[in-house]
Amino acid sequence: MSAIGLVETRGLTSAVEALDSMAKAANISCLDLKRVGSGLITVIIEGDVADVNSAVEIGKLSPDRVGGDLISSNVIPRPHTELEKLL
């Protein structure tokens, strides 16, 4: 795993749209789709640093297309092995 990307949205539809857009835009894999609570969903992806950066940038645009809200996003390049165990 070279990088981890996270995109958090309000609503499942926004999260699924973000994941679909990210998967079509770059060579990434979905690690998990976590329901945080209060309608917040976090999409967690992995891949090469450049692919994850591109995918997260595309994923950040997706909630607007379906009327959802982007809450936050982040890319973690070269995550520590202990972090990998949590995910």
PDB file of N, CA and C in Angstrom:
ATOM      1  N   MET A   1       0.845  -1.171   0.000  1.00  0.00           N
ATOM      2  CA  MET A   1       0.000   0.000   0.000  1.00  0.00           C
ATOM      3  C   MET A   1       0.894   1.238   0.000  1.00  0.00           C
ATOM      4  N   SER A   2       0.759   2.065  -1.013  1.00  0.00           N
ATOM      5  CA  SER A   2       1.567   3.273  -1.111  1.00  0.00           C
ATOM      6  C   SER A   2       0.870   4.488  -0.524  1.00  0.00           C
ATOM      7  N   ALA A   3      -0.458   4.513  -0.580  1.00  0.00           N
ATOM      8  CA  ALA A   3      -1.201   5.657  -0.055  1.00  0.00           C
ATOM      9  C   ALA A   3      -2.615   5.234   0.302  1.00  0.00           C
ATOM     10  N   ILE A   4      -3.177   5.967   1.257  1.00  0.00           N
ATOM     11  CA  ILE A   4      -4.575   5.780   1.647  1.00  0.00           C
ATOM     12  C   ILE A   4      -5.297   7.094   1.382  1.00  0.00           C
ATOM     13  N   GLY A   5      -6.484   7.013   0.812  1.00  0.00           N
ATOM     14  CA  GLY A   5      -7.298   8.197   0.580  1.00  0.00           C
ATOM     15  C   GLY A   5      -8.618   8.065   1.297  1.00  0.00           C
ATOM     16  N   LEU A   6      -9.102   9.174   1.850  1.00  0.00           N
ATOM     17  CA  LEU A   6     -10.375   9.188   2.548  1.00  0.00           C
ATOM     18  C   LEU A   6     -11.243  10.321   2.014  1.00  0.00           C
ATOM     19  N   VAL A   7     -12.504  10.014   1.755  1.00  0.00           N
ATOM     20  CA  VAL A   7     -13.478  11.020   1.358  1.00  0.00           C
ATOM     21  C   VAL A   7     -14.705  10.788   2.233  1.00  0.00           C
ATOM     22  N   GLU A   8     -15.072  11.806   3.000  1.00  0.00           N
ATOM     23  CA  GLU A   8     -16.227  11.682   3.885  1.00  0.00           C
ATOM     24  C   GLU A   8     -17.355  12.557   3.358  1.00  0.00           C
ATOM     25  N   THR A   9     -18.546  11.953   3.249  1.00  0.00           N
ATOM     26  CA  THR A   9     -19.711  12.653   2.724  1.00  0.00           C
ATOM     27  C   THR A   9     -20.887  12.498   3.679  1.00  0.00           C
ATOM     28  N   ARG A  10     -21.889  13.313   3.464  1.00  0.00           N
ATOM     29  CA  ARG A  10     -23.154  13.135   4.190  1.00  0.00           C
ATOM     30  C   ARG A  10     -24.099  12.422   3.236  1.00  0.00           C
ATOM     31  N   GLY A  11     -24.438  11.171   3.549  1.00  0.00           N
ATOM     32  CA  GLY A  11     -25.362  10.392   2.746  1.00  0.00           C
ATOM     33  C   GLY A  11     -24.685   9.286   1.954  1.00  0.00           C
ATOM     34  N   LEU A  12     -25.366   8.157   1.878  1.00  0.00           N
ATOM     35  CA  LEU A  12     -24.837   6.995   1.172  1.00  0.00           C
ATOM     36  C   LEU A  12     -24.739   7.225  -0.329  1.00  0.00           C
ATOM     37  N   THR A  13     -25.712   7.906  -0.897  1.00  0.00           N
ATOM     38  CA  THR A  13     -25.694   8.160  -2.340  1.00  0.00           C
ATOM     39  C   THR A  13     -24.452   8.942  -2.736  1.00  0.00           C
ATOM     40  N   SER A  14     -24.100   9.952  -1.959  1.00  0.00           N
ATOM     41  CA  SER A  14     -22.901  10.746  -2.242  1.00  0.00           C
ATOM     42  C   SER A  14     -21.638   9.905  -2.130  1.00  0.00           C
ATOM     43  N   ALA A  15     -21.597   9.026  -1.143  1.00  0.00           N
ATOM     44  CA  ALA A  15     -20.428   8.174  -0.952  1.00  0.00           C
ATOM     45  C   ALA A  15     -20.259   7.181  -2.098  1.00  0.00           C
ATOM     46  N   VAL A  16     -21.363   6.586  -2.520  1.00  0.00           N
ATOM     47  CA  VAL A  16     -21.304   5.620  -3.631  1.00  0.00           C
ATOM     48  C   VAL A  16     -20.913   6.333  -4.919  1.00  0.00           C
ATOM     49  N   GLU A  17     -21.446   7.508  -5.143  1.00  0.00           N
ATOM     50  CA  GLU A  17     -21.086   8.292  -6.334  1.00  0.00           C
ATOM     51  C   GLU A  17     -19.602   8.644  -6.307  1.00  0.00           C
ATOM     52  N   ALA A  18     -19.093   9.037  -5.134  1.00  0.00           N
ATOM     53  CA  ALA A  18     -17.670   9.372  -5.007  1.00  0.00           C
ATOM     54  C   ALA A  18     -16.804   8.151  -5.298  1.00  0.00           C
ATOM     55  N   LEU A  19     -17.157   7.010  -4.731  1.00  0.00           N
ATOM     56  CA  LEU A  19     -16.382   5.787  -4.964  1.00  0.00           C
ATOM     57  C   LEU A  19     -16.407   5.388  -6.435  1.00  0.00           C
ATOM     58  N   ASP A  20     -17.559   5.458  -7.064  1.00  0.00           N
ATOM     59  CA  ASP A  20     -17.667   5.117  -8.477  1.00  0.00           C
ATOM     60  C   ASP A  20     -16.784   6.030  -9.328  1.00  0.00           C
ATOM     61  N   SER A  21     -16.842   7.325  -9.066  1.00  0.00           N
ATOM     62  CA  SER A  21     -16.029   8.285  -9.825  1.00  0.00           C
ATOM     63  C   SER A  21     -14.538   8.051  -9.604  1.00  0.00           C
ATOM     64  N   MET A  22     -14.164   7.775  -8.368  1.00  0.00           N
ATOM     65  CA  MET A  22     -12.744   7.551  -8.060  1.00  0.00           C
ATOM     66  C   MET A  22     -12.225   6.288  -8.731  1.00  0.00           C
ATOM     67  N   ALA A  23     -13.032   5.229  -8.710  1.00  0.00           N
ATOM     68  CA  ALA A  23     -12.603   3.962  -9.312  1.00  0.00           C
ATOM     69  C   ALA A  23     -12.472   4.073 -10.829  1.00  0.00           C
ATOM     70  N   LYS A  24     -13.312   4.894 -11.446  1.00  0.00           N
ATOM     71  CA  LYS A  24     -13.244   5.085 -12.892  1.00  0.00           C
ATOM     72  C   LYS A  24     -12.096   6.004 -13.298  1.00  0.00           C
ATOM     73  N   ALA A  25     -11.688   6.890 -12.393  1.00  0.00           N
ATOM     74  CA  ALA A  25     -10.668   7.888 -12.723  1.00  0.00           C
ATOM     75  C   ALA A  25      -9.240   7.413 -12.504  1.00  0.00           C
ATOM     76  N   ALA A  26      -9.034   6.456 -11.619  1.00  0.00           N
ATOM     77  CA  ALA A  26      -7.665   6.070 -11.262  1.00  0.00           C
ATOM     78  C   ALA A  26      -7.622   4.594 -10.876  1.00  0.00           C
ATOM     79  N   ASN A  27      -6.428   4.059 -10.847  1.00  0.00           N
ATOM     80  CA  ASN A  27      -6.204   2.660 -10.480  1.00  0.00           C
ATOM     81  C   ASN A  27      -6.126   2.555  -8.956  1.00  0.00           C
ATOM     82  N   ILE A  28      -7.295   2.432  -8.303  1.00  0.00           N
ATOM     83  CA  ILE A  28      -7.361   2.364  -6.846  1.00  0.00           C
ATOM     84  C   ILE A  28      -8.200   1.158  -6.440  1.00  0.00           C
ATOM     85  N   SER A  29      -8.115   0.808  -5.170  1.00  0.00           N
ATOM     86  CA  SER A  29      -8.957  -0.247  -4.605  1.00  0.00           C
ATOM     87  C   SER A  29      -9.707   0.320  -3.411  1.00  0.00           C
ATOM     88  N   CYS A  30     -10.923  -0.140  -3.221  1.00  0.00           N
ATOM     89  CA  CYS A  30     -11.705   0.300  -2.066  1.00  0.00           C
ATOM     90  C   CYS A  30     -11.349  -0.587  -0.883  1.00  0.00           C
ATOM     91  N   LEU A  31     -10.892   0.031   0.196  1.00  0.00           N
ATOM     92  CA  LEU A  31     -10.612  -0.717   1.420  1.00  0.00           C
ATOM     93  C   LEU A  31     -11.872  -0.895   2.248  1.00  0.00           C
ATOM     94  N   ASP A  32     -12.661   0.168   2.355  1.00  0.00           N
ATOM     95  CA  ASP A  32     -13.845   0.095   3.203  1.00  0.00           C
ATOM     96  C   ASP A  32     -14.769   1.280   2.946  1.00  0.00           C
ATOM     97  N   LEU A  33     -16.003   1.112   3.332  1.00  0.00           N
ATOM     98  CA  LEU A  33     -17.004   2.173   3.312  1.00  0.00           C
ATOM     99  C   LEU A  33     -17.578   2.189   4.724  1.00  0.00           C
ATOM    100  N   LYS A  34     -17.162   3.145   5.533  1.00  0.00           N
ATOM    101  CA  LYS A  34     -17.534   3.153   6.953  1.00  0.00           C
ATOM    102  C   LYS A  34     -18.679   4.121   7.215  1.00  0.00           C
ATOM    103  N   ARG A  35     -19.665   3.639   7.941  1.00  0.00           N
ATOM    104  CA  ARG A  35     -20.760   4.496   8.407  1.00  0.00           C
ATOM    105  C   ARG A  35     -20.339   5.074   9.745  1.00  0.00           C
ATOM    106  N   VAL A  36     -20.081   6.357   9.758  1.00  0.00           N
ATOM    107  CA  VAL A  36     -19.565   7.023  10.945  1.00  0.00           C
ATOM    108  C   VAL A  36     -20.688   7.343  11.920  1.00  0.00           C
ATOM    109  N   GLY A  37     -21.835   7.698  11.427  1.00  0.00           N
ATOM    110  CA  GLY A  37     -22.975   8.089  12.249  1.00  0.00           C
ATOM    111  C   GLY A  37     -23.526   9.412  11.765  1.00  0.00           C
ATOM    112  N   SER A  38     -24.755   9.709  12.121  1.00  0.00           N
ATOM    113  CA  SER A  38     -25.435  10.947  11.716  1.00  0.00           C
ATOM    114  C   SER A  38     -25.414  11.154  10.206  1.00  0.00           C
ATOM    115  N   GLY A  39     -25.468  10.067   9.460  1.00  0.00           N
ATOM    116  CA  GLY A  39     -25.498  10.159   8.001  1.00  0.00           C
ATOM    117  C   GLY A  39     -24.153  10.322   7.343  1.00  0.00           C
ATOM    118  N   LEU A  40     -23.072  10.306   8.118  1.00  0.00           N
ATOM    119  CA  LEU A  40     -21.734  10.466   7.546  1.00  0.00           C
ATOM    120  C   LEU A  40     -21.175   9.117   7.117  1.00  0.00           C
ATOM    121  N   ILE A  41     -20.643   9.093   5.911  1.00  0.00           N
ATOM    122  CA  ILE A  41     -20.046   7.893   5.338  1.00  0.00           C
ATOM    123  C   ILE A  41     -18.627   8.240   4.898  1.00  0.00           C
ATOM    124  N   THR A  42     -17.657   7.417   5.269  1.00  0.00           N
ATOM    125  CA  THR A  42     -16.274   7.629   4.845  1.00  0.00           C
ATOM    126  C   THR A  42     -15.880   6.519   3.880  1.00  0.00           C
ATOM    127  N   VAL A  43     -15.426   6.907   2.705  1.00  0.00           N
ATOM    128  CA  VAL A  43     -14.913   5.980   1.705  1.00  0.00           C
ATOM    129  C   VAL A  43     -13.399   5.946   1.872  1.00  0.00           C
ATOM    130  N   ILE A  44     -12.837   4.739   2.037  1.00  0.00           N
ATOM    131  CA  ILE A  44     -11.400   4.587   2.224  1.00  0.00           C
ATOM    132  C   ILE A  44     -10.850   3.795   1.044  1.00  0.00           C
ATOM    133  N   ILE A  45      -9.869   4.383   0.358  1.00  0.00           N
ATOM    134  CA  ILE A  45      -9.276   3.747  -0.820  1.00  0.00           C
ATOM    135  C   ILE A  45      -7.776   3.597  -0.627  1.00  0.00           C
ATOM    136  N   GLU A  46      -7.171   2.757  -1.473  1.00  0.00           N
ATOM    137  CA  GLU A  46      -5.722   2.595  -1.457  1.00  0.00           C
ATOM    138  C   GLU A  46      -5.201   2.488  -2.879  1.00  0.00           C
ATOM    139  N   GLY A  47      -3.903   2.781  -3.041  1.00  0.00           N
ATOM    140  CA  GLY A  47      -3.259   2.688  -4.343  1.00  0.00           C
ATOM    141  C   GLY A  47      -1.974   3.468  -4.331  1.00  0.00           C
ATOM    142  N   ASP A  48      -1.397   3.668  -5.499  1.00  0.00           N
ATOM    143  CA  ASP A  48      -0.191   4.490  -5.612  1.00  0.00           C
ATOM    144  C   ASP A  48      -0.535   5.927  -5.236  1.00  0.00           C
ATOM    145  N   VAL A  49       0.475   6.656  -4.776  1.00  0.00           N
ATOM    146  CA  VAL A  49       0.250   8.020  -4.298  1.00  0.00           C
ATOM    147  C   VAL A  49      -0.408   8.885  -5.367  1.00  0.00           C
ATOM    148  N   ALA A  50       0.099   8.848  -6.582  1.00  0.00           N
ATOM    149  CA  ALA A  50      -0.464   9.683  -7.659  1.00  0.00           C
ATOM    150  C   ALA A  50      -1.902   9.288  -7.967  1.00  0.00           C
ATOM    151  N   ASP A  51      -2.190   7.985  -8.011  1.00  0.00           N
ATOM    152  CA  ASP A  51      -3.552   7.522  -8.289  1.00  0.00           C
ATOM    153  C   ASP A  51      -4.512   7.924  -7.180  1.00  0.00           C
ATOM    154  N   VAL A  52      -4.082   7.791  -5.936  1.00  0.00           N
ATOM    155  CA  VAL A  52      -4.948   8.143  -4.816  1.00  0.00           C
ATOM    156  C   VAL A  52      -5.201   9.650  -4.794  1.00  0.00           C
ATOM    157  N   ASN A  53      -4.166  10.449  -5.043  1.00  0.00           N
ATOM    158  CA  ASN A  53      -4.357  11.903  -5.114  1.00  0.00           C
ATOM    159  C   ASN A  53      -5.376  12.279  -6.174  1.00  0.00           C
ATOM    160  N   SER A  54      -5.224  11.703  -7.365  1.00  0.00           N
ATOM    161  CA  SER A  54      -6.167  11.988  -8.453  1.00  0.00           C
ATOM    162  C   SER A  54      -7.580  11.546  -8.097  1.00  0.00           C
ATOM    163  N   ALA A  55      -7.685  10.351  -7.541  1.00  0.00           N
ATOM    164  CA  ALA A  55      -8.997   9.814  -7.199  1.00  0.00           C
ATOM    165  C   ALA A  55      -9.697  10.663  -6.145  1.00  0.00           C
ATOM    166  N   VAL A  56      -8.970  11.093  -5.125  1.00  0.00           N
ATOM    167  CA  VAL A  56      -9.581  11.907  -4.074  1.00  0.00           C
ATOM    168  C   VAL A  56     -10.036  13.255  -4.637  1.00  0.00           C
ATOM    169  N   GLU A  57      -9.244  13.849  -5.514  1.00  0.00           N
ATOM    170  CA  GLU A  57      -9.665  15.116  -6.127  1.00  0.00           C
ATOM    171  C   GLU A  57     -10.958  14.944  -6.916  1.00  0.00           C
ATOM    172  N   ILE A  58     -11.088  13.837  -7.636  1.00  0.00           N
ATOM    173  CA  ILE A  58     -12.321  13.547  -8.376  1.00  0.00           C
ATOM    174  C   ILE A  58     -13.464  13.250  -7.405  1.00  0.00           C
ATOM    175  N   GLY A  59     -13.170  12.468  -6.373  1.00  0.00           N
ATOM    176  CA  GLY A  59     -14.188  12.112  -5.391  1.00  0.00           C
ATOM    177  C   GLY A  59     -14.748  13.310  -4.648  1.00  0.00           C
ATOM    178  N   LYS A  60     -13.944  14.334  -4.464  1.00  0.00           N
ATOM    179  CA  LYS A  60     -14.393  15.543  -3.772  1.00  0.00           C
ATOM    180  C   LYS A  60     -15.467  16.292  -4.571  1.00  0.00           C
ATOM    181  N   LEU A  61     -15.492  16.108  -5.874  1.00  0.00           N
ATOM    182  CA  LEU A  61     -16.474  16.791  -6.731  1.00  0.00           C
ATOM    183  C   LEU A  61     -17.810  16.058  -6.798  1.00  0.00           C
ATOM    184  N   SER A  62     -17.806  14.780  -6.476  1.00  0.00           N
ATOM    185  CA  SER A  62     -18.991  13.940  -6.667  1.00  0.00           C
ATOM    186  C   SER A  62     -20.206  14.323  -5.838  1.00  0.00           C
ATOM    187  N   PRO A  63     -20.073  14.647  -4.549  1.00  0.00           N
ATOM    188  CA  PRO A  63     -21.289  14.947  -3.773  1.00  0.00           C
ATOM    189  C   PRO A  63     -22.111  16.098  -4.351  1.00  0.00           C
ATOM    190  N   ASP A  64     -21.480  17.090  -4.939  1.00  0.00           N
ATOM    191  CA  ASP A  64     -22.215  18.205  -5.539  1.00  0.00           C
ATOM    192  C   ASP A  64     -23.124  17.747  -6.672  1.00  0.00           C
ATOM    193  N   ARG A  65     -22.695  16.733  -7.420  1.00  0.00           N
ATOM    194  CA  ARG A  65     -23.473  16.257  -8.562  1.00  0.00           C
ATOM    195  C   ARG A  65     -24.770  15.580  -8.146  1.00  0.00           C
ATOM    196  N   VAL A  66     -24.787  14.996  -6.938  1.00  0.00           N
ATOM    197  CA  VAL A  66     -25.992  14.268  -6.513  1.00  0.00           C
ATOM    198  C   VAL A  66     -26.711  14.973  -5.357  1.00  0.00           C
ATOM    199  N   GLY A  67     -26.324  16.197  -5.080  1.00  0.00           N
ATOM    200  CA  GLY A  67     -27.000  16.969  -4.052  1.00  0.00           C
ATOM    201  C   GLY A  67     -26.570  16.652  -2.636  1.00  0.00           C
ATOM    202  N   GLY A  68     -25.406  16.050  -2.474  1.00  0.00           N
ATOM    203  CA  GLY A  68     -24.898  15.716  -1.142  1.00  0.00           C
ATOM    204  C   GLY A  68     -23.893  16.732  -0.654  1.00  0.00           C
ATOM    205  N   ASP A  69     -23.274  16.422   0.463  1.00  0.00           N
ATOM    206  CA  ASP A  69     -22.284  17.314   1.068  1.00  0.00           C
ATOM    207  C   ASP A  69     -20.954  16.597   1.230  1.00  0.00           C
ATOM    208  N   LEU A  70     -19.882  17.268   0.844  1.00  0.00           N
ATOM    209  CA  LEU A  70     -18.539  16.794   1.151  1.00  0.00           C
ATOM    210  C   LEU A  70     -18.206  17.308   2.547  1.00  0.00           C
ATOM    211  N   ILE A  71     -17.832  16.412   3.434  1.00  0.00           N
ATOM    212  CA  ILE A  71     -17.480  16.800   4.798  1.00  0.00           C
ATOM    213  C   ILE A  71     -15.976  17.016   4.901  1.00  0.00           C
ATOM    214  N   SER A  72     -15.185  16.056   4.445  1.00  0.00           N
ATOM    215  CA  SER A  72     -13.725  16.207   4.474  1.00  0.00           C
ATOM    216  C   SER A  72     -13.085  15.187   3.553  1.00  0.00           C
ATOM    217  N   SER A  73     -11.789  15.397   3.303  1.00  0.00           N
ATOM    218  CA  SER A  73     -11.021  14.451   2.494  1.00  0.00           C
ATOM    219  C   SER A  73      -9.558  14.537   2.922  1.00  0.00           C
ATOM    220  N   ASN A  74      -8.828  13.460   2.667  1.00  0.00           N
ATOM    221  CA  ASN A  74      -7.421  13.435   3.044  1.00  0.00           C
ATOM    222  C   ASN A  74      -6.714  12.335   2.266  1.00  0.00           C
ATOM    223  N   VAL A  75      -5.415  12.552   2.014  1.00  0.00           N
ATOM    224  CA  VAL A  75      -4.554  11.538   1.419  1.00  0.00           C
ATOM    225  C   VAL A  75      -3.379  11.334   2.365  1.00  0.00           C
ATOM    226  N   ILE A  76      -3.111  10.079   2.695  1.00  0.00           N
ATOM    227  CA  ILE A  76      -1.986   9.745   3.563  1.00  0.00           C
ATOM    228  C   ILE A  76      -0.987   8.944   2.734  1.00  0.00           C
ATOM    229  N   PRO A  77       0.100   9.589   2.272  1.00  0.00           N
ATOM    230  CA  PRO A  77       1.103   8.845   1.515  1.00  0.00           C
ATOM    231  C   PRO A  77       1.971   8.007   2.446  1.00  0.00           C
ATOM    232  N   ARG A  78       2.345   6.847   1.990  1.00  0.00           N
ATOM    233  CA  ARG A  78       3.209   5.930   2.744  1.00  0.00           C
ATOM    234  C   ARG A  78       2.774   5.788   4.205  1.00  0.00           C
ATOM    235  N   PRO A  79       1.567   5.260   4.446  1.00  0.00           N
ATOM    236  CA  PRO A  79       1.071   5.153   5.822  1.00  0.00           C
ATOM    237  C   PRO A  79       1.926   4.189   6.649  1.00  0.00           C
ATOM    238  N   HIS A  80       2.004   4.464   7.929  1.00  0.00           N
ATOM    239  CA  HIS A  80       2.738   3.618   8.860  1.00  0.00           C
ATOM    240  C   HIS A  80       2.063   2.246   8.924  1.00  0.00           C
ATOM    241  N   THR A  81       2.829   1.206   9.162  1.00  0.00           N
ATOM    242  CA  THR A  81       2.280  -0.152   9.190  1.00  0.00           C
ATOM    243  C   THR A  81       1.226  -0.330  10.280  1.00  0.00           C
ATOM    244  N   GLU A  82       1.350   0.382  11.383  1.00  0.00           N
ATOM    245  CA  GLU A  82       0.338   0.296  12.436  1.00  0.00           C
ATOM    246  C   GLU A  82      -1.003   0.854  11.962  1.00  0.00           C
ATOM    247  N   LEU A  83      -0.958   1.867  11.126  1.00  0.00           N
ATOM    248  CA  LEU A  83      -2.196   2.418  10.568  1.00  0.00           C
ATOM    249  C   LEU A  83      -2.862   1.412   9.637  1.00  0.00           C
ATOM    250  N   GLU A  84      -2.062   0.698   8.888  1.00  0.00           N
ATOM    251  CA  GLU A  84      -2.595  -0.314   7.993  1.00  0.00           C
ATOM    252  C   GLU A  84      -3.380  -1.384   8.764  1.00  0.00           C
ATOM    253  N   LYS A  85      -2.926  -1.714   9.973  1.00  0.00           N
ATOM    254  CA  LYS A  85      -3.619  -2.723  10.783  1.00  0.00           C
ATOM    255  C   LYS A  85      -4.999  -2.256  11.217  1.00  0.00           C
ATOM    256  N   LEU A  86      -5.148  -0.945  11.429  1.00  0.00           N
ATOM    257  CA  LEU A  86      -6.447  -0.406  11.844  1.00  0.00           C
ATOM    258  C   LEU A  86      -7.471  -0.459  10.725  1.00  0.00           C
ATOM    259  N   LEU A  87      -7.001  -0.358   9.498  1.00  0.00           N
ATOM    260  CA  LEU A  87      -7.911  -0.328   8.364  1.00  0.00           C
ATOM    261  C   LEU A  87      -8.091  -1.710   7.789  1.00  0.00           C
TER     262      LEU A  87
END
